[in-house]
Protein backbone atom coordinates (compact mmCIF):
# COMPACT_ATOMS: atom_id res chain seq x y z
CA MET A 1 3.96 36.18 35.65
CA THR A 2 0.20 35.31 35.19
CA ARG A 3 0.21 33.64 31.65
CA HIS A 4 1.07 30.19 30.47
CA TYR A 5 3.71 29.10 28.17
CA ASP A 6 2.46 27.59 25.19
CA GLU A 7 3.33 23.76 23.86
CA TRP A 8 5.71 24.56 21.26
CA VAL A 9 7.63 26.85 24.06
CA LEU A 10 7.65 23.72 26.31
CA GLN A 11 8.94 21.48 23.93
CA ASP A 12 11.87 23.86 22.31
CA TYR A 13 12.75 23.11 26.27
CA LEU A 14 12.19 19.84 26.17
CA ASP A 15 14.83 19.61 23.44
CA ASP A 16 17.42 21.44 23.78
CA PRO A 17 16.98 23.91 27.33
CA ASP A 18 19.92 27.20 26.29
CA SER A 19 17.37 27.40 22.63
CA VAL A 20 14.50 29.34 25.10
CA GLY A 21 15.68 33.18 25.17
CA ASP A 22 13.81 33.44 29.06
CA ARG A 23 14.85 30.20 30.30
CA ALA A 24 15.37 31.09 33.84
CA GLU A 25 11.98 32.70 33.91
CA LEU A 26 10.06 29.42 31.68
CA GLU A 27 12.10 27.46 34.92
CA GLU A 28 10.98 29.90 37.43
CA HIS A 29 7.53 29.94 36.50
CA LEU A 30 7.82 25.73 35.81
CA ALA A 31 8.47 25.48 39.83
CA GLY A 32 5.11 27.30 40.58
CA CYS A 33 2.93 26.35 37.98
CA ALA A 34 1.25 22.43 38.33
CA GLU A 35 -0.34 23.06 34.54
CA CYS A 36 2.49 23.82 32.36
CA ARG A 37 4.84 20.85 34.14
CA ALA A 38 1.51 18.83 33.54
CA VAL A 39 2.02 19.80 30.07
CA LEU A 40 5.84 19.25 29.96
CA ASP A 41 5.61 16.03 31.77
CA GLU A 42 3.25 14.68 29.01
CA LEU A 43 5.44 15.93 26.65
CA ARG A 44 8.44 14.28 28.08
CA ALA A 45 6.76 11.25 28.62
CA PHE A 46 5.14 11.15 24.63
CA GLU A 47 8.81 11.53 23.24
CA ALA A 48 10.07 8.27 25.67
CA ALA A 49 6.91 6.02 24.41
CA LEU A 50 7.79 7.03 20.81
CA ALA A 51 11.40 6.28 21.20
CA GLY A 52 10.54 3.31 22.36
CA ASP A 53 7.78 2.63 19.69
CA GLU A 54 8.65 -0.71 18.09
CA LEU A 55 6.68 0.80 15.21
CA TRP A 56 9.48 3.00 14.32
CA GLU A 57 12.22 -0.15 14.41
CA LEU A 58 13.37 -0.66 10.48
CA ALA A 59 14.52 -3.82 9.19
CA GLY A 60 18.28 -2.75 10.06
CA ASP A 61 18.81 -4.77 12.54
CA ALA A 62 17.13 -8.12 11.10
CA PRO A 63 18.83 -9.94 7.82
CA PRO A 64 17.90 -7.85 5.00
CA ARG A 65 14.52 -9.91 3.09
CA GLU A 66 14.91 -10.42 -0.72
CA GLU A 67 12.41 -7.43 -1.48
CA GLU A 68 14.71 -5.65 0.62
CA THR A 69 18.28 -5.88 -0.45
CA PRO A 70 19.60 -2.91 -2.82
CA GLU A 71 18.90 -4.63 -5.94
CA ALA A 72 15.40 -5.11 -5.38
CA LEU A 73 15.06 -1.98 -4.00
CA ARG A 74 16.41 -0.49 -6.96
CA ALA A 75 14.10 -2.28 -9.05
CA LEU A 76 11.45 -1.16 -7.48
CA ALA A 77 11.81 2.47 -7.89
CA ASP A 78 12.25 1.82 -11.48
CA LEU A 79 8.72 0.13 -11.59
CA PHE A 80 6.87 2.86 -9.24
CA GLU A 81 8.73 5.51 -11.42
CA ARG A 82 7.66 3.37 -14.99
CA GLU A 83 4.30 2.84 -13.31
CA ASP A 84 3.73 6.79 -12.58
CA ARG A 85 4.20 7.70 -15.86
CA GLU A 86 2.00 4.98 -17.09
CA ALA A 87 -1.01 5.63 -14.77
CA SER A 88 -0.90 9.20 -15.73
CA GLU A 89 -0.64 8.18 -19.63
CA LEU A 90 -3.98 5.49 -18.61
CA LEU A 91 -6.43 8.43 -16.70
CA GLY A 92 -5.35 10.73 -18.53
CA THR A 93 -8.13 13.01 -18.97
CA LEU A 94 -10.32 10.38 -17.36
CA LEU A 95 -10.12 11.75 -14.00
CA ALA A 96 -11.40 15.68 -15.34
CA SER A 97 -14.80 14.37 -15.79
CA PRO A 98 -16.80 12.10 -13.65
CA ALA A 99 -18.92 10.99 -16.13
CA SER A 100 -16.15 10.06 -18.20
CA PHE A 101 -14.45 8.22 -15.23
CA ARG A 102 -17.90 6.39 -14.47
CA ARG A 103 -18.37 5.05 -17.70
CA ALA A 104 -14.72 3.84 -17.66
CA ASN A 105 -15.53 1.56 -15.03
CA ILE A 106 -11.43 1.14 -14.50
CA THR A 107 -11.34 -1.35 -12.31
CA SER A 108 -12.46 -3.69 -14.45
CA GLN A 109 -9.45 -3.06 -16.50
CA PRO A 110 -6.67 -5.07 -15.97
CA ALA A 111 -4.32 -2.71 -17.12
CA MET A 112 -4.93 -0.43 -14.18
CA ARG A 113 -4.36 -2.67 -11.53
CA THR A 114 -1.03 -1.41 -10.54
CA ALA A 115 0.44 0.67 -7.40
CA GLY A 116 1.27 3.79 -9.46
CA VAL A 117 -3.21 3.89 -10.36
CA VAL A 118 -3.80 3.77 -6.83
CA ARG A 119 -0.92 5.76 -5.91
CA ARG A 120 -2.39 8.87 -8.69
CA LEU A 121 -5.93 8.17 -7.91
CA CYS A 122 -5.42 9.26 -4.06
CA SER A 123 -3.60 12.18 -5.34
CA GLU A 124 -6.20 13.31 -7.63
CA SER A 125 -9.22 12.48 -4.87
CA ARG A 126 -7.22 15.06 -2.28
CA THR A 127 -6.91 17.40 -5.26
CA LEU A 128 -11.08 17.56 -5.86
CA ARG A 129 -11.89 16.86 -2.12
CA GLU A 130 -12.82 20.65 -1.86
CA ARG A 131 -13.93 21.33 -5.40
CA GLN A 132 -15.82 18.42 -6.46
CA PRO A 133 -16.57 16.40 -2.71
CA MET A 134 -19.02 13.65 -4.37
CA HIS A 135 -16.25 13.33 -7.70
CA ALA A 136 -13.34 12.31 -5.06
CA LEU A 137 -15.26 9.84 -3.03
CA VAL A 138 -15.78 7.97 -6.30
CA VAL A 139 -12.14 8.39 -7.10
CA ALA A 140 -11.00 7.29 -3.61
CA ASP A 141 -13.47 4.07 -3.68
CA ALA A 142 -11.87 3.26 -6.82
CA ALA A 143 -7.98 3.60 -5.39
CA ILE A 144 -9.05 0.93 -2.88
CA ALA A 145 -11.12 -1.79 -5.30
CA ILE A 146 -7.84 -1.10 -7.37
CA GLY A 147 -5.52 -1.50 -4.19
CA ASP A 148 -7.11 -5.15 -3.02
CA GLN A 149 -6.76 -6.22 -7.12
CA LEU A 150 -2.89 -5.48 -6.36
CA SER A 151 -0.82 -8.96 -6.83
CA PRO A 152 1.43 -9.98 -4.19
CA GLU A 153 3.84 -11.25 -6.89
CA ARG A 154 4.33 -7.82 -8.17
CA TYR A 155 4.92 -5.79 -4.75
CA PRO A 156 5.68 -6.67 -1.39
CA SER A 157 3.18 -7.08 0.48
CA ALA A 158 3.76 -4.34 3.41
CA LEU A 159 3.63 -1.95 0.46
CA ILE A 160 -0.02 -3.42 -0.93
CA ASP A 161 -0.95 -3.02 3.02
CA GLU A 162 0.05 0.78 2.80
CA LEU A 163 -1.21 1.48 -0.65
CA ARG A 164 -4.50 0.23 0.58
CA ALA A 165 -4.41 2.00 3.80
CA ALA A 166 -4.15 5.24 2.04
CA ALA A 167 -6.97 4.98 0.12
CA TRP A 168 -9.05 3.84 3.00
CA LEU A 169 -7.72 6.98 4.45
CA GLU A 170 -8.75 9.08 1.81
CA ARG A 171 -12.06 8.18 1.69
CA ALA A 172 -11.96 9.08 5.41
CA ASN A 173 -11.14 11.92 4.35
CA VAL A 174 -13.71 12.62 1.77
CA LEU A 175 -16.32 11.80 3.97
CA ARG A 176 -15.05 13.84 6.46
CA TYR A 177 -15.35 16.80 3.93
CA LEU A 178 -18.89 15.55 3.37
CA GLY A 179 -20.08 15.14 6.71
CA ARG A 180 -20.66 11.50 7.08
CA TYR A 181 -19.15 10.99 10.07
CA PRO A 182 -19.90 7.35 10.88
CA GLU A 183 -18.69 6.39 7.80
CA ALA A 184 -15.27 8.05 8.10
CA LEU A 185 -14.33 6.97 11.32
CA ASP A 186 -15.39 3.12 9.99
CA ALA A 187 -12.84 4.41 6.73
CA LEU A 188 -10.35 5.15 9.31
CA ASP A 189 -10.30 2.08 11.84
CA ILE A 190 -9.37 -0.22 8.25
CA ALA A 191 -6.92 2.33 7.29
CA GLU A 192 -5.06 2.10 10.90
CA ARG A 193 -5.22 -1.41 10.29
CA GLY A 194 -3.33 -1.53 7.26
CA PHE A 195 -0.50 0.84 8.67
CA ALA A 196 0.12 -1.34 11.58
CA ARG A 197 2.83 -2.99 9.03
CA SER A 198 4.51 0.26 7.86
CA PRO A 199 8.40 0.95 8.99
CA VAL A 200 6.98 4.26 10.07
CA ALA A 201 4.08 3.52 11.88
CA ALA A 202 4.30 6.11 13.88
CA TYR A 203 3.76 8.87 10.99
CA SER A 204 1.44 7.13 9.49
CA ARG A 205 -0.82 6.43 12.96
CA ALA A 206 -0.95 10.39 13.13
CA LEU A 207 -2.15 10.62 9.64
CA VAL A 208 -5.28 8.48 10.97
CA ASP A 209 -5.29 10.16 13.96
CA TYR A 210 -5.21 13.72 12.95
CA VAL A 211 -8.75 13.01 10.55
CA ARG A 212 -10.12 11.06 13.62
CA ALA A 213 -9.28 13.91 16.50
CA VAL A 214 -11.18 16.24 13.32
CA VAL A 215 -14.18 14.25 12.86
CA PHE A 216 -14.55 13.82 16.75
CA VAL A 217 -14.48 17.66 17.17
CA GLU A 218 -16.83 17.56 14.89
CA THR A 219 -18.94 15.43 17.00
CA GLU A 220 -18.69 17.16 20.23
CA ARG A 221 -15.72 14.44 21.45
CA LEU A 222 -13.90 16.99 22.52
CA ASP A 223 -11.85 15.94 25.12
CA GLU A 224 -11.01 12.67 22.67
CA GLY A 225 -10.29 15.30 19.76
CA ARG A 226 -8.13 17.43 21.52
CA ARG A 227 -5.83 14.76 22.56
CA LEU A 228 -5.56 12.96 19.06
CA ALA A 229 -4.91 16.23 17.73
CA ARG A 230 -2.09 17.09 20.37
CA ASN A 231 -0.72 13.50 19.83
CA SER A 232 -0.69 13.71 16.09
CA ALA A 233 1.01 17.47 16.79
CA ARG A 234 3.84 16.14 17.99
CA VAL A 235 4.55 13.30 15.96
CA PHE A 236 4.45 15.79 12.76
CA ARG A 237 6.78 17.90 14.17
CA GLN A 238 9.48 15.04 14.99
CA PHE A 239 8.77 14.75 11.32
CA GLY A 240 9.50 18.23 10.08
CA GLU A 241 6.40 18.26 8.61
CA ASP A 242 5.73 21.70 9.66
CA GLU A 243 2.09 22.43 7.04
CA ARG A 244 0.32 19.32 9.27
CA PHE A 245 1.91 20.19 12.53
CA ILE A 246 -0.55 23.10 11.73
CA HIS A 247 -3.30 21.71 10.82
CA ALA A 248 -3.61 19.41 13.98
CA LYS A 249 -2.52 22.71 15.95
CA ILE A 250 -6.17 24.24 14.45
CA VAL A 251 -7.81 21.30 15.83
CA GLU A 252 -7.04 21.87 19.33
CA ALA A 253 -7.70 25.63 18.84
CA SER A 254 -10.89 24.44 17.75
CA VAL A 255 -11.63 22.69 20.97
CA LEU A 256 -11.09 25.84 22.62
CA PHE A 257 -13.73 27.39 20.77
CA ASP A 258 -16.38 24.69 21.03
CA GLN A 259 -15.74 24.88 24.95
CA HIS A 260 -16.79 28.63 24.20
CA ARG A 261 -12.98 30.15 24.84
CA TYR A 262 -13.14 32.17 22.28
CA ARG A 263 -10.62 34.70 22.99
CA GLU A 264 -7.74 31.65 23.89
CA ALA A 265 -8.70 30.15 20.60
CA ARG A 266 -8.00 33.12 18.42
CA ASP A 267 -4.53 34.01 19.84
CA LEU A 268 -3.99 30.05 19.01
CA PHE A 269 -5.39 30.56 15.42
CA LEU A 270 -3.78 33.90 14.88
CA SER A 271 0.02 32.86 16.65
CA LEU A 272 0.17 29.71 13.89
CA VAL A 273 -0.14 32.30 11.29
CA ARG A 274 3.10 33.46 10.61
CA VAL A 275 3.90 29.40 11.10
CA ALA A 276 1.52 28.97 7.78
CA THR A 277 3.24 32.09 5.93
CA ALA A 278 6.37 30.90 6.19
CA VAL A 279 5.53 27.25 4.94
CA GLY A 280 3.54 29.32 1.98
CA GLN A 281 0.68 26.84 1.88
CA GLY A 282 -2.72 29.38 0.95
CA ALA A 283 -5.44 27.06 1.56
CA THR A 284 -4.19 26.84 5.07
CA LEU A 285 -3.41 30.74 5.65
CA ALA A 286 -7.29 31.36 4.58
CA ARG A 287 -8.45 28.47 7.28
CA LEU A 288 -6.56 30.17 10.14
CA TYR A 289 -8.23 33.80 8.63
CA GLN A 290 -11.36 31.77 8.37
CA ASN A 291 -11.67 30.79 12.19
CA VAL A 292 -10.06 33.87 13.76
CA ALA A 293 -13.28 35.77 11.81
CA THR A 294 -15.22 33.22 13.45
CA CYS A 295 -13.71 33.65 16.93
CA HIS A 296 -14.09 37.72 16.43
CA LEU A 297 -17.61 36.90 15.02
CA ARG A 298 -18.70 35.15 18.63
CA LEU A 299 -16.86 38.28 20.64
CA ASN A 300 -19.18 40.42 18.51
CA GLU A 301 -16.15 42.34 17.42
CA LEU A 302 -17.79 42.06 13.59
CA ASP A 303 -15.38 44.58 11.92
CA ALA A 304 -12.78 42.12 12.84
CA ALA A 305 -14.97 39.34 11.51
CA ASP A 306 -15.76 41.02 8.45
CA THR A 307 -12.00 41.72 7.83
CA TYR A 308 -10.66 38.47 8.05
CA PHE A 309 -13.64 36.46 6.51
CA GLU A 310 -12.76 38.68 3.36
CA ARG A 311 -8.83 37.83 3.53
CA ALA A 312 -10.09 34.08 3.85
CA LEU A 313 -12.42 34.38 0.69
CA SER A 314 -9.96 36.37 -1.38
CA LEU A 315 -7.38 33.18 -0.64
CA TYR A 316 -10.09 30.78 -1.52
CA ARG A 317 -11.34 32.14 -4.41
CA ALA A 318 -7.94 32.22 -5.30
CA LEU A 319 -7.24 28.59 -5.19
CA GLY A 320 -10.38 27.38 -6.53
CA LEU A 321 -11.19 25.22 -3.19
CA GLU A 322 -15.09 25.52 -3.43
CA THR A 323 -16.53 23.86 -0.53
CA GLU A 324 -14.40 26.05 1.73
CA ARG A 325 -15.51 29.07 -0.44
CA VAL A 326 -19.27 28.39 -0.28
CA ARG A 327 -18.57 27.91 4.04
CA THR A 328 -17.15 31.28 4.03
CA GLN A 329 -19.52 33.12 1.74
CA TRP A 330 -22.16 31.52 4.49
CA SER A 331 -20.23 33.41 7.35
CA VAL A 332 -20.01 36.62 5.11
CA GLY A 333 -23.64 36.63 4.95
CA CYS A 334 -24.11 35.90 8.90
CA VAL A 335 -21.92 38.98 9.12
CA ARG A 336 -23.78 41.05 6.69
CA ILE A 337 -26.62 40.96 8.39
CA ALA A 338 -25.68 40.64 12.29
CA ARG A 339 -24.65 44.22 11.11
CA GLY A 340 -28.10 45.32 9.71
CA ASP A 341 -27.53 44.94 6.10
CA ILE A 342 -29.94 42.08 5.48
CA ALA A 343 -31.16 42.13 1.94
CA VAL A 344 -27.45 41.52 1.18
CA GLY A 345 -26.82 39.06 3.80
CA LEU A 346 -29.90 37.44 2.96
CA GLY A 347 -28.90 37.16 -0.91
CA GLN A 348 -25.16 35.59 0.34
CA LEU A 349 -27.14 33.40 1.86
CA ARG A 350 -29.37 31.87 -0.84
CA GLU A 351 -26.38 32.21 -3.07
CA ALA A 352 -24.35 29.71 -0.58
CA ARG A 353 -27.31 27.04 0.03
CA ARG A 354 -27.95 26.89 -3.99
CA GLU A 355 -24.10 26.01 -4.25
CA PHE A 356 -24.24 23.90 -1.43
CA ALA A 357 -26.40 21.77 -2.92
CA GLU A 358 -25.06 21.78 -6.46
CA LEU A 359 -21.84 20.45 -4.49
CA GLY A 360 -23.87 17.94 -3.00
CA LEU A 361 -22.98 19.03 0.85
CA ARG A 362 -27.41 18.41 1.66
CA SER A 363 -26.34 18.90 5.12
CA ASP A 364 -24.89 22.28 4.84
CA ALA A 365 -27.61 23.37 2.69
CA ALA A 366 -30.36 22.55 4.96
CA LEU A 367 -28.49 24.71 8.00
CA VAL A 368 -28.23 27.51 5.59
CA THR A 369 -32.10 27.29 5.12
CA LEU A 370 -32.52 27.19 8.59
CA ASP A 371 -30.38 30.07 8.75
CA LEU A 372 -32.49 32.00 6.27
CA ALA A 373 -35.45 31.10 7.46
CA GLU A 374 -34.62 32.52 10.90
CA THR A 375 -33.77 35.73 9.62
CA LEU A 376 -36.91 36.16 7.00
CA LEU A 377 -39.07 35.41 10.07
CA ALA A 378 -37.42 38.25 12.09
CA THR A 379 -38.16 40.70 9.27
CA GLY A 380 -41.65 40.24 9.82
CA THR A 381 -42.95 40.69 6.06
CA ARG A 382 -45.45 38.38 4.89
CA PRO A 383 -43.76 37.83 1.58
CA ALA A 384 -40.63 37.13 3.77
CA ILE A 385 -42.77 34.75 6.21
CA ALA A 386 -44.24 32.81 3.62
CA GLU A 387 -41.17 32.14 2.15
CA ALA A 388 -39.42 31.07 5.27
CA ALA A 389 -42.31 28.40 5.39
CA GLU A 390 -41.75 27.52 1.67
CA LEU A 391 -37.83 26.56 2.71
CA CYS A 392 -38.57 24.95 5.95
CA GLY A 393 -41.73 22.74 4.02
CA ALA A 394 -39.18 21.15 1.86
CA LEU A 395 -36.64 20.42 4.34
CA VAL A 396 -38.11 16.90 5.49
CA GLU A 397 -37.11 15.62 2.08
CA SER A 398 -33.75 17.68 2.51
CA PHE A 399 -32.98 15.73 5.68
CA THR A 400 -34.55 12.24 4.34
CA ALA A 401 -32.03 12.20 1.61
CA VAL A 402 -29.09 12.34 3.83
CA GLY A 403 -30.06 9.73 6.52
CA MET A 404 -31.18 12.12 9.58
CA THR A 405 -33.08 10.71 12.14
CA GLY A 406 -36.32 10.44 13.23
CA HIS A 407 -35.71 12.57 15.67
CA ALA A 408 -34.72 15.48 13.41
CA LEU A 409 -37.66 14.66 11.17
CA THR A 410 -39.48 14.99 14.53
CA ALA A 411 -38.51 18.33 14.94
CA LEU A 412 -38.56 19.75 11.17
CA ALA A 413 -42.09 18.59 11.11
CA PHE A 414 -42.65 20.25 14.32
CA LEU A 415 -41.39 23.47 12.77
CA ARG A 416 -43.35 22.69 9.80
CA GLU A 417 -46.73 22.33 11.81
CA ALA A 418 -45.91 25.77 13.78
CA PHE A 419 -45.08 27.74 10.49
CA ALA A 420 -48.88 26.20 9.25
CA ALA A 421 -50.56 27.38 12.49
CA GLY A 422 -48.70 31.19 12.57
CA THR A 423 -46.78 30.18 15.79
CA ALA A 424 -43.46 29.60 14.21
CA THR A 425 -40.24 32.39 15.79
CA PRO A 426 -37.08 33.52 15.16
CA ASP A 427 -36.61 31.69 18.00
CA LEU A 428 -37.75 28.51 17.38
CA VAL A 429 -36.08 28.22 13.94
CA ARG A 430 -32.61 28.72 15.69
CA HIS A 431 -33.80 26.35 18.50
CA ILE A 432 -34.59 23.51 15.82
CA ARG A 433 -31.36 24.67 13.77
CA GLN A 434 -28.93 24.53 17.24
CA TYR A 435 -30.61 20.96 17.58
CA ILE A 436 -30.05 19.80 14.18
CA GLU A 437 -26.41 20.87 13.91
CA SER A 438 -25.96 18.50 17.43
CA LEU A 439 -26.97 15.43 15.66
CA PRO A 440 -24.27 14.00 14.02
CA ASP A 441 -22.75 12.45 17.48
CA GLN A 442 -26.24 12.34 19.73
CA ARG A 443 -28.59 10.40 17.43
CA ASP A 444 -30.14 9.20 20.43
CA LEU A 445 -30.80 12.62 21.46
CA PRO A 446 -34.79 13.48 21.65
CA PHE A 447 -36.37 16.56 20.14
CA LEU A 448 -37.90 19.03 22.75
CA PRO A 449 -39.32 22.07 21.92
CA PRO A 450 -38.40 25.19 23.55
CA PRO A 451 -39.85 25.35 26.99
CA ARG A 452 -41.87 28.31 26.46
CA LEU A 453 -43.97 26.46 23.52
């Protein structure tokens, strides 16, 4: 056979060789395939390291600390239950309104300085990431501030460390959604240090590694991202965390996509659909549909791309996931344009641009603007060219607002001058868009005009 075995089949074989239906065929393949043997060896080494990791060693082999006695643990559980109820009452309607939440200034109120409030804020921030990412960031920062004020006389020190780390992890996740990647990595470093004392530090570390992997993939650090994604997926599988396992494998498939291995990426995404359906998480299934659609789009399989984008869009709408809904709407607009339905596609891009701006996602709004400009220029009509010039003329201000580098501003100034001189072309806009998109991990990369210019 010529195909390679995927990682979870090899993991099943490692866990229980007899559980693999075609064991003899697999072993014959392993005998002649160095690549699959290497993956199996990597899995075996990872399991050995995980099993021997001192971070797995709970306090059962040592004399229990005072806070770990059964009576103390029961008292702590009762405290958590009471604090969770109180946090719901204290925060109440404040979390529903960004303005009300800011005015309340909860970090200055002693009654708010409880573990229950930190947990509730982290949970609320997770809920808000998609729909109101800027509000989610404020809520996560409040969790961090309150976590720093928790009393060591009220809670075990390890618990305080874990709550603080969880808040920093949530901040990192929101920053990732906002495209503020260097800040997200800084937050992850702090979260990782906080999780170090956890009795299940291997799992907590996997949570951090997963988010870091996503950031690495977004910033073109593909090999590091794939390694972290694979490692975190293995830990999630060990803990029976099926949904997190799927998410980590999605990151791995995304690396294949970014390496232009679109068919392999599509097949890996599709292989996860069944698992995601069994888990019953609509958001995960929507993301898989979106990723499958993007692979089809890169393969110029426009009908299939359209079908899967519409499936994703329908789920995002039903779930109220605004950020991903707008990103998918952006993709649908691009498909419409590629299929020749220019007017409809432009309308969808304009709407995506407006909604990104309202969500505070200025980098995404700017990239949609460049997609709009490219398409408008390609029509060749004077009104369309004038609109493209106007849109691009405002980008310097937009990119300054999100902290882009001087090189990015140089590229945009070059584009603005090209419009003024009447030399702007769709190829030039596309060239600048690709350059701008590459900047998060290449801030020192100077802008160079296309060779023919």
